């Protein structure tokens, strides 16, 4: 097993780091993260698209998903649009669009749609009130359920109900597992590093009286 010499930072050390350096370092510590584009529009049909790397599985019954928004002490177009309309989309990012996705983190004026600025396509489906990203292979239509103010650092946890899901035909397994790697979903680390994945194995359900084994991937035809 390869070993590395270690360096140590205390809390005091961390707080003494230059602000952007500290943000880059601490954002790397949580490991590889889900990264997705959240699509919204306001009541005037002005669209907005923003990249988030803080998606959280909340529960499956009912199907809820969350994400963290930074403090709204300044105008947060995604958060304000969700509060105004109650609907948004979450769109997985793939290798073909990761640079455009990253560009959505730029601070565009409210009247400039990131869809237009990054040449991604707003796609409306089945009357859903928020735009999907046409170039994304896994897309979710979300209905807002709850906003939780996290007083520790003044961020916001937004929880939504998954009302619609679109995904490639050949990526759903017999037991309900959705093979996002096969769907070419990528991941990220830190604030600006994007990665393709390679599965080591899918393991069987862990039980105290049974050894683990490799689970087979049987796809629905």
C-alpha atoms as a PDB file:
ATOM      1  CA  UNK A   1       0.000   0.000   0.000  1.00  0.00           C
ATOM      2  CA  UNK A   2       1.377   3.370  -0.988  1.00  0.00           C
ATOM      3  CA  UNK A   3       1.971   5.782   1.885  1.00  0.00           C
ATOM      4  CA  UNK A   4       2.486   9.537   1.892  1.00  0.00           C
ATOM      5  CA  UNK A   5       4.127  11.885   4.338  1.00  0.00           C
ATOM      6  CA  UNK A   6       1.488  13.975   6.065  1.00  0.00           C
ATOM      7  CA  UNK A   7       1.006  17.664   6.693  1.00  0.00           C
ATOM      8  CA  UNK A   8      -1.222  19.031   9.469  1.00  0.00           C
ATOM      9  CA  UNK A   9      -3.663  21.950   9.617  1.00  0.00           C
ATOM     10  CA  UNK A  10      -5.474  22.886  12.841  1.00  0.00           C
ATOM     11  CA  UNK A  11      -8.697  24.906  12.899  1.00  0.00           C
ATOM     12  CA  UNK A  12      -6.601  27.977  13.666  1.00  0.00           C
ATOM     13  CA  UNK A  13      -4.404  27.188  10.664  1.00  0.00           C
ATOM     14  CA  UNK A  14      -7.445  26.799   8.424  1.00  0.00           C
ATOM     15  CA  UNK A  15      -8.950  30.098   9.530  1.00  0.00           C
ATOM     16  CA  UNK A  16      -5.614  31.801   8.905  1.00  0.00           C
ATOM     17  CA  UNK A  17      -5.472  30.767   5.262  1.00  0.00           C
ATOM     18  CA  UNK A  18      -6.198  33.304   2.522  1.00  0.00           C
ATOM     19  CA  UNK A  19      -9.946  33.243   1.788  1.00  0.00           C
ATOM     20  CA  UNK A  20      -9.921  31.771  -1.715  1.00  0.00           C
ATOM     21  CA  UNK A  21      -7.140  29.334  -0.826  1.00  0.00           C
ATOM     22  CA  UNK A  22      -9.157  28.146   2.193  1.00  0.00           C
ATOM     23  CA  UNK A  23     -12.321  27.779   0.093  1.00  0.00           C
ATOM     24  CA  UNK A  24     -10.484  25.676  -2.470  1.00  0.00           C
ATOM     25  CA  UNK A  25      -8.855  23.493   0.181  1.00  0.00           C
ATOM     26  CA  UNK A  26     -11.934  22.879   2.344  1.00  0.00           C
ATOM     27  CA  UNK A  27     -14.135  22.204  -0.692  1.00  0.00           C
ATOM     28  CA  UNK A  28     -11.719  19.400  -1.594  1.00  0.00           C
ATOM     29  CA  UNK A  29     -12.055  17.662   1.784  1.00  0.00           C
ATOM     30  CA  UNK A  30     -15.536  16.195   1.276  1.00  0.00           C
ATOM     31  CA  UNK A  31     -14.235  14.035  -1.568  1.00  0.00           C
ATOM     32  CA  UNK A  32     -15.853  13.359  -4.911  1.00  0.00           C
ATOM     33  CA  UNK A  33     -19.274  14.991  -5.113  1.00  0.00           C
ATOM     34  CA  UNK A  34     -22.416  14.986  -7.173  1.00  0.00           C
ATOM     35  CA  UNK A  35     -22.450  17.886  -9.591  1.00  0.00           C
ATOM     36  CA  UNK A  36     -25.464  19.009 -11.591  1.00  0.00           C
ATOM     37  CA  UNK A  37     -27.110  21.906 -13.358  1.00  0.00           C
ATOM     38  CA  UNK A  38     -30.222  23.389 -11.772  1.00  0.00           C
ATOM     39  CA  UNK A  39     -32.601  24.993 -14.218  1.00  0.00           C
ATOM     40  CA  UNK A  40     -35.206  27.564 -13.186  1.00  0.00           C
ATOM     41  CA  UNK A  41     -37.324  30.348 -14.554  1.00  0.00           C
ATOM     42  CA  UNK A  42     -39.208  33.188 -12.915  1.00  0.00           C
ATOM     43  CA  UNK A  43     -42.846  34.145 -13.405  1.00  0.00           C
ATOM     44  CA  UNK A  44     -41.798  36.273 -16.395  1.00  0.00           C
ATOM     45  CA  UNK A  45     -40.257  33.186 -18.101  1.00  0.00           C
ATOM     46  CA  UNK A  46     -36.702  34.498 -17.671  1.00  0.00           C
ATOM     47  CA  UNK A  47     -34.589  31.338 -17.451  1.00  0.00           C
ATOM     48  CA  UNK A  48     -31.574  30.689 -15.252  1.00  0.00           C
ATOM     49  CA  UNK A  49     -29.068  27.832 -15.126  1.00  0.00           C
ATOM     50  CA  UNK A  50     -26.494  27.245 -12.388  1.00  0.00           C
ATOM     51  CA  UNK A  51     -24.039  24.524 -11.409  1.00  0.00           C
ATOM     52  CA  UNK A  52     -24.238  23.011  -7.900  1.00  0.00           C
ATOM     53  CA  UNK A  53     -21.981  20.431  -6.282  1.00  0.00           C
ATOM     54  CA  UNK A  54     -23.955  20.033  -3.054  1.00  0.00           C
ATOM     55  CA  UNK A  55     -26.743  17.615  -4.006  1.00  0.00           C
ATOM     56  CA  UNK A  56     -28.015  15.450  -1.142  1.00  0.00           C
ATOM     57  CA  UNK A  57     -30.214  12.347  -1.156  1.00  0.00           C
ATOM     58  CA  UNK A  58     -32.963  13.056   1.395  1.00  0.00           C
ATOM     59  CA  UNK A  59     -35.210  10.005   1.040  1.00  0.00           C
ATOM     60  CA  UNK A  60     -36.897   7.584  -1.345  1.00  0.00           C
ATOM     61  CA  UNK A  61     -40.374   7.321   0.191  1.00  0.00           C
ATOM     62  CA  UNK A  62     -41.400   9.882  -0.906  1.00  0.00           C
ATOM     63  CA  UNK A  63     -38.570  10.678  -3.342  1.00  0.00           C
ATOM     64  CA  UNK A  64     -36.876  13.812  -1.994  1.00  0.00           C
ATOM     65  CA  UNK A  65     -33.579  15.419  -2.978  1.00  0.00           C
ATOM     66  CA  UNK A  66     -31.830  18.461  -1.561  1.00  0.00           C
ATOM     67  CA  UNK A  67     -29.085  20.936  -2.301  1.00  0.00           C
ATOM     68  CA  UNK A  68     -27.266  23.653  -0.391  1.00  0.00           C
ATOM     69  CA  UNK A  69     -27.508  27.273  -1.493  1.00  0.00           C
ATOM     70  CA  UNK A  70     -25.076  29.868  -0.248  1.00  0.00           C
ATOM     71  CA  UNK A  71     -26.436  32.750   1.888  1.00  0.00           C
ATOM     72  CA  UNK A  72     -28.954  34.920   0.028  1.00  0.00           C
ATOM     73  CA  UNK A  73     -27.482  38.144   1.369  1.00  0.00           C
ATOM     74  CA  UNK A  74     -26.861  38.872  -2.321  1.00  0.00           C
ATOM     75  CA  UNK A  75     -29.206  38.036  -5.184  1.00  0.00           C
ATOM     76  CA  UNK A  76     -29.268  34.270  -5.782  1.00  0.00           C
ATOM     77  CA  UNK A  77     -31.184  33.808  -9.020  1.00  0.00           C
ATOM     78  CA  UNK A  78     -31.705  30.050  -8.599  1.00  0.00           C
ATOM     79  CA  UNK A  79     -33.028  30.341  -5.052  1.00  0.00           C
ATOM     80  CA  UNK A  80     -35.254  33.323  -5.760  1.00  0.00           C
ATOM     81  CA  UNK A  81     -36.743  31.655  -8.840  1.00  0.00           C
ATOM     82  CA  UNK A  82     -37.525  28.508  -6.851  1.00  0.00           C
ATOM     83  CA  UNK A  83     -39.181  30.559  -4.126  1.00  0.00           C
ATOM     84  CA  UNK A  84     -41.190  32.425  -6.764  1.00  0.00           C
ATOM     85  CA  UNK A  85     -42.427  29.485  -8.865  1.00  0.00           C
ATOM     86  CA  UNK A  86     -41.977  26.376  -6.711  1.00  0.00           C
ATOM     87  CA  UNK A  87     -40.362  24.326  -9.492  1.00  0.00           C
ATOM     88  CA  UNK A  88     -36.868  23.556 -10.791  1.00  0.00           C
ATOM     89  CA  UNK A  89     -34.917  20.891 -12.637  1.00  0.00           C
ATOM     90  CA  UNK A  90     -31.769  18.960 -11.751  1.00  0.00           C
ATOM     91  CA  UNK A  91     -29.700  17.815 -14.725  1.00  0.00           C
ATOM     92  CA  UNK A  92     -26.678  15.498 -14.589  1.00  0.00           C
ATOM     93  CA  UNK A  93     -23.516  16.754 -16.286  1.00  0.00           C
ATOM     94  CA  UNK A  94     -21.640  14.674 -18.840  1.00  0.00           C
ATOM     95  CA  UNK A  95     -18.226  14.989 -20.435  1.00  0.00           C
ATOM     96  CA  UNK A  96     -19.578  16.772 -23.508  1.00  0.00           C
ATOM     97  CA  UNK A  97     -20.936  19.740 -21.533  1.00  0.00           C
ATOM     98  CA  UNK A  98     -18.800  20.066 -18.390  1.00  0.00           C
ATOM     99  CA  UNK A  99     -17.030  23.235 -19.576  1.00  0.00           C
ATOM    100  CA  UNK A 100     -20.335  24.913 -20.386  1.00  0.00           C
ATOM    101  CA  UNK A 101     -21.702  23.747 -17.046  1.00  0.00           C
ATOM    102  CA  UNK A 102     -18.750  25.258 -15.199  1.00  0.00           C
ATOM    103  CA  UNK A 103     -19.231  28.552 -17.044  1.00  0.00           C
ATOM    104  CA  UNK A 104     -22.705  28.911 -15.499  1.00  0.00           C
ATOM    105  CA  UNK A 105     -20.949  29.723 -12.215  1.00  0.00           C
ATOM    106  CA  UNK A 106     -20.021  33.130 -13.657  1.00  0.00           C
ATOM    107  CA  UNK A 107     -22.035  36.054 -12.305  1.00  0.00           C
ATOM    108  CA  UNK A 108     -24.313  36.978 -15.168  1.00  0.00           C
ATOM    109  CA  UNK A 109     -26.900  39.758 -14.792  1.00  0.00           C
ATOM    110  CA  UNK A 110     -30.421  38.566 -14.068  1.00  0.00           C
ATOM    111  CA  UNK A 111     -31.604  39.450 -17.592  1.00  0.00           C
ATOM    112  CA  UNK A 112     -28.931  37.207 -19.177  1.00  0.00           C
ATOM    113  CA  UNK A 113     -29.871  33.524 -19.322  1.00  0.00           C
ATOM    114  CA  UNK A 114     -27.012  31.115 -18.719  1.00  0.00           C
ATOM    115  CA  UNK A 115     -28.686  28.822 -21.254  1.00  0.00           C
ATOM    116  CA  UNK A 116     -27.996  31.444 -23.924  1.00  0.00           C
ATOM    117  CA  UNK A 117     -24.588  32.457 -22.565  1.00  0.00           C
ATOM    118  CA  UNK A 118     -23.277  28.865 -22.565  1.00  0.00           C
ATOM    119  CA  UNK A 119     -25.159  27.630 -25.643  1.00  0.00           C
ATOM    120  CA  UNK A 120     -27.072  24.975 -23.734  1.00  0.00           C
ATOM    121  CA  UNK A 121     -30.679  24.267 -24.692  1.00  0.00           C
ATOM    122  CA  UNK A 122     -33.675  24.940 -22.443  1.00  0.00           C
ATOM    123  CA  UNK A 123     -36.110  22.059 -22.899  1.00  0.00           C
ATOM    124  CA  UNK A 124     -39.676  22.077 -21.550  1.00  0.00           C
ATOM    125  CA  UNK A 125     -41.374  18.688 -21.107  1.00  0.00           C
ATOM    126  CA  UNK A 126     -44.931  17.576 -20.344  1.00  0.00           C
ATOM    127  CA  UNK A 127     -45.976  21.007 -19.150  1.00  0.00           C
ATOM    128  CA  UNK A 128     -43.347  21.161 -16.396  1.00  0.00           C
ATOM    129  CA  UNK A 129     -42.837  24.766 -15.305  1.00  0.00           C
ATOM    130  CA  UNK A 130     -39.006  24.797 -15.259  1.00  0.00           C
ATOM    131  CA  UNK A 131     -36.546  24.175 -18.102  1.00  0.00           C
ATOM    132  CA  UNK A 132     -34.524  20.976 -18.418  1.00  0.00           C
ATOM    133  CA  UNK A 133     -31.087  20.908 -20.042  1.00  0.00           C
ATOM    134  CA  UNK A 134     -31.580  19.114 -23.351  1.00  0.00           C
ATOM    135  CA  UNK A 135     -27.928  18.040 -23.532  1.00  0.00           C
ATOM    136  CA  UNK A 136     -28.118  16.278 -20.137  1.00  0.00           C
ATOM    137  CA  UNK A 137     -28.750  12.516 -20.187  1.00  0.00           C
ATOM    138  CA  UNK A 138     -30.384  12.251 -16.730  1.00  0.00           C
ATOM    139  CA  UNK A 139     -32.931  14.939 -15.885  1.00  0.00           C
ATOM    140  CA  UNK A 140     -35.266  15.450 -12.940  1.00  0.00           C
ATOM    141  CA  UNK A 141     -38.244  17.739 -12.547  1.00  0.00           C
ATOM    142  CA  UNK A 142     -38.462  18.912  -8.926  1.00  0.00           C
ATOM    143  CA  UNK A 143     -41.256  20.519  -6.901  1.00  0.00           C
ATOM    144  CA  UNK A 144     -40.128  22.654  -3.969  1.00  0.00           C
ATOM    145  CA  UNK A 145     -41.097  21.296  -0.551  1.00  0.00           C
ATOM    146  CA  UNK A 146     -39.039  22.965   2.180  1.00  0.00           C
ATOM    147  CA  UNK A 147     -36.405  25.605   2.820  1.00  0.00           C
ATOM    148  CA  UNK A 148     -34.266  25.149   5.923  1.00  0.00           C
ATOM    149  CA  UNK A 149     -32.063  27.959   7.188  1.00  0.00           C
ATOM    150  CA  UNK A 150     -28.806  26.557   8.554  1.00  0.00           C
ATOM    151  CA  UNK A 151     -27.931  29.056  11.257  1.00  0.00           C
ATOM    152  CA  UNK A 152     -24.364  27.772  11.727  1.00  0.00           C
ATOM    153  CA  UNK A 153     -23.149  29.442   8.527  1.00  0.00           C
ATOM    154  CA  UNK A 154     -26.313  31.097   7.179  1.00  0.00           C
ATOM    155  CA  UNK A 155     -26.649  28.733   4.201  1.00  0.00           C
ATOM    156  CA  UNK A 156     -29.940  27.263   2.958  1.00  0.00           C
ATOM    157  CA  UNK A 157     -30.929  23.631   2.496  1.00  0.00           C
ATOM    158  CA  UNK A 158     -33.531  23.379  -0.267  1.00  0.00           C
ATOM    159  CA  UNK A 159     -35.567  20.149  -0.320  1.00  0.00           C
ATOM    160  CA  UNK A 160     -37.677  19.134  -3.290  1.00  0.00           C
ATOM    161  CA  UNK A 161     -39.884  16.282  -4.431  1.00  0.00           C
ATOM    162  CA  UNK A 162     -38.885  14.395  -7.586  1.00  0.00           C
ATOM    163  CA  UNK A 163     -41.931  14.576  -9.861  1.00  0.00           C
ATOM    164  CA  UNK A 164     -40.356  13.607 -13.192  1.00  0.00           C
ATOM    165  CA  UNK A 165     -37.254  11.605 -14.172  1.00  0.00           C
ATOM    166  CA  UNK A 166     -35.791  11.095 -17.650  1.00  0.00           C
ATOM    167  CA  UNK A 167     -32.879   8.722 -18.299  1.00  0.00           C
ATOM    168  CA  UNK A 168     -31.379   6.569 -21.095  1.00  0.00           C
ATOM    169  CA  UNK A 169     -33.271   3.368 -21.944  1.00  0.00           C
ATOM    170  CA  UNK A 170     -30.291   1.074 -21.405  1.00  0.00           C
ATOM    171  CA  UNK A 171     -29.164   2.330 -17.984  1.00  0.00           C
ATOM    172  CA  UNK A 172     -31.833   0.886 -15.669  1.00  0.00           C
ATOM    173  CA  UNK A 173     -31.070  -2.401 -13.920  1.00  0.00           C
ATOM    174  CA  UNK A 174     -33.576  -5.103 -12.944  1.00  0.00           C
ATOM    175  CA  UNK A 175     -33.391  -4.183  -9.236  1.00  0.00           C
ATOM    176  CA  UNK A 176     -33.921  -0.442  -9.793  1.00  0.00           C
ATOM    177  CA  UNK A 177     -30.256   0.583  -9.789  1.00  0.00           C
ATOM    178  CA  UNK A 178     -29.680   3.386 -12.295  1.00  0.00           C
ATOM    179  CA  UNK A 179     -26.230   3.050 -13.848  1.00  0.00           C
ATOM    180  CA  UNK A 180     -25.206   6.692 -13.977  1.00  0.00           C
ATOM    181  CA  UNK A 181     -21.695   5.776 -15.096  1.00  0.00           C
ATOM    182  CA  UNK A 182     -23.148   4.102 -18.178  1.00  0.00           C
ATOM    183  CA  UNK A 183     -25.172   7.278 -18.701  1.00  0.00           C
ATOM    184  CA  UNK A 184     -21.840   9.164 -18.773  1.00  0.00           C
ATOM    185  CA  UNK A 185     -22.533  11.215 -15.645  1.00  0.00           C
ATOM    186  CA  UNK A 186     -19.355  12.824 -14.303  1.00  0.00           C
ATOM    187  CA  UNK A 187     -18.360  13.891 -10.800  1.00  0.00           C
ATOM    188  CA  UNK A 188     -16.287  16.690  -9.314  1.00  0.00           C
ATOM    189  CA  UNK A 189     -13.872  17.473  -6.506  1.00  0.00           C
ATOM    190  CA  UNK A 190     -13.139  20.840  -5.012  1.00  0.00           C
ATOM    191  CA  UNK A 191     -14.557  23.802  -6.881  1.00  0.00           C
ATOM    192  CA  UNK A 192     -13.274  23.226 -10.394  1.00  0.00           C
ATOM    193  CA  UNK A 193     -11.964  19.669 -10.932  1.00  0.00           C
ATOM    194  CA  UNK A 194     -14.140  17.316 -13.010  1.00  0.00           C
ATOM    195  CA  UNK A 195     -13.748  13.549 -13.258  1.00  0.00           C
ATOM    196  CA  UNK A 196     -14.984  10.537 -15.157  1.00  0.00           C
ATOM    197  CA  UNK A 197     -15.626   7.438 -13.046  1.00  0.00           C
ATOM    198  CA  UNK A 198     -14.622   3.795 -13.177  1.00  0.00           C
ATOM    199  CA  UNK A 199     -16.633   1.308 -11.115  1.00  0.00           C
ATOM    200  CA  UNK A 200     -14.608  -0.989  -8.868  1.00  0.00           C
ATOM    201  CA  UNK A 201     -17.568  -3.268  -8.150  1.00  0.00           C
ATOM    202  CA  UNK A 202     -21.191  -3.236  -7.146  1.00  0.00           C
ATOM    203  CA  UNK A 203     -21.501  -5.242  -3.925  1.00  0.00           C
ATOM    204  CA  UNK A 204     -24.352  -7.260  -2.456  1.00  0.00           C
ATOM    205  CA  UNK A 205     -26.393  -6.027   0.525  1.00  0.00           C
ATOM    206  CA  UNK A 206     -24.233  -6.161   3.662  1.00  0.00           C
ATOM    207  CA  UNK A 207     -25.361  -8.557   6.418  1.00  0.00           C
ATOM    208  CA  UNK A 208     -23.527  -9.569   9.585  1.00  0.00           C
ATOM    209  CA  UNK A 209     -23.866 -13.322   8.893  1.00  0.00           C
ATOM    210  CA  UNK A 210     -23.006 -13.306   5.197  1.00  0.00           C
ATOM    211  CA  UNK A 211     -19.879 -12.567   3.171  1.00  0.00           C
ATOM    212  CA  UNK A 212     -20.015  -9.860   0.564  1.00  0.00           C
ATOM    213  CA  UNK A 213     -20.046 -10.811  -3.084  1.00  0.00           C
ATOM    214  CA  UNK A 214     -20.075  -8.995  -6.395  1.00  0.00           C
ATOM    215  CA  UNK A 215     -23.569  -8.028  -7.498  1.00  0.00           C
ATOM    216  CA  UNK A 216     -24.449  -8.603 -11.135  1.00  0.00           C
ATOM    217  CA  UNK A 217     -25.680  -5.776 -13.332  1.00  0.00           C
ATOM    218  CA  UNK A 218     -28.780  -7.010 -15.126  1.00  0.00           C
ATOM    219  CA  UNK A 219     -30.302  -4.330 -17.320  1.00  0.00           C
ATOM    220  CA  UNK A 220     -33.953  -4.050 -18.263  1.00  0.00           C
ATOM    221  CA  UNK A 221     -34.299  -4.573 -21.982  1.00  0.00           C
END
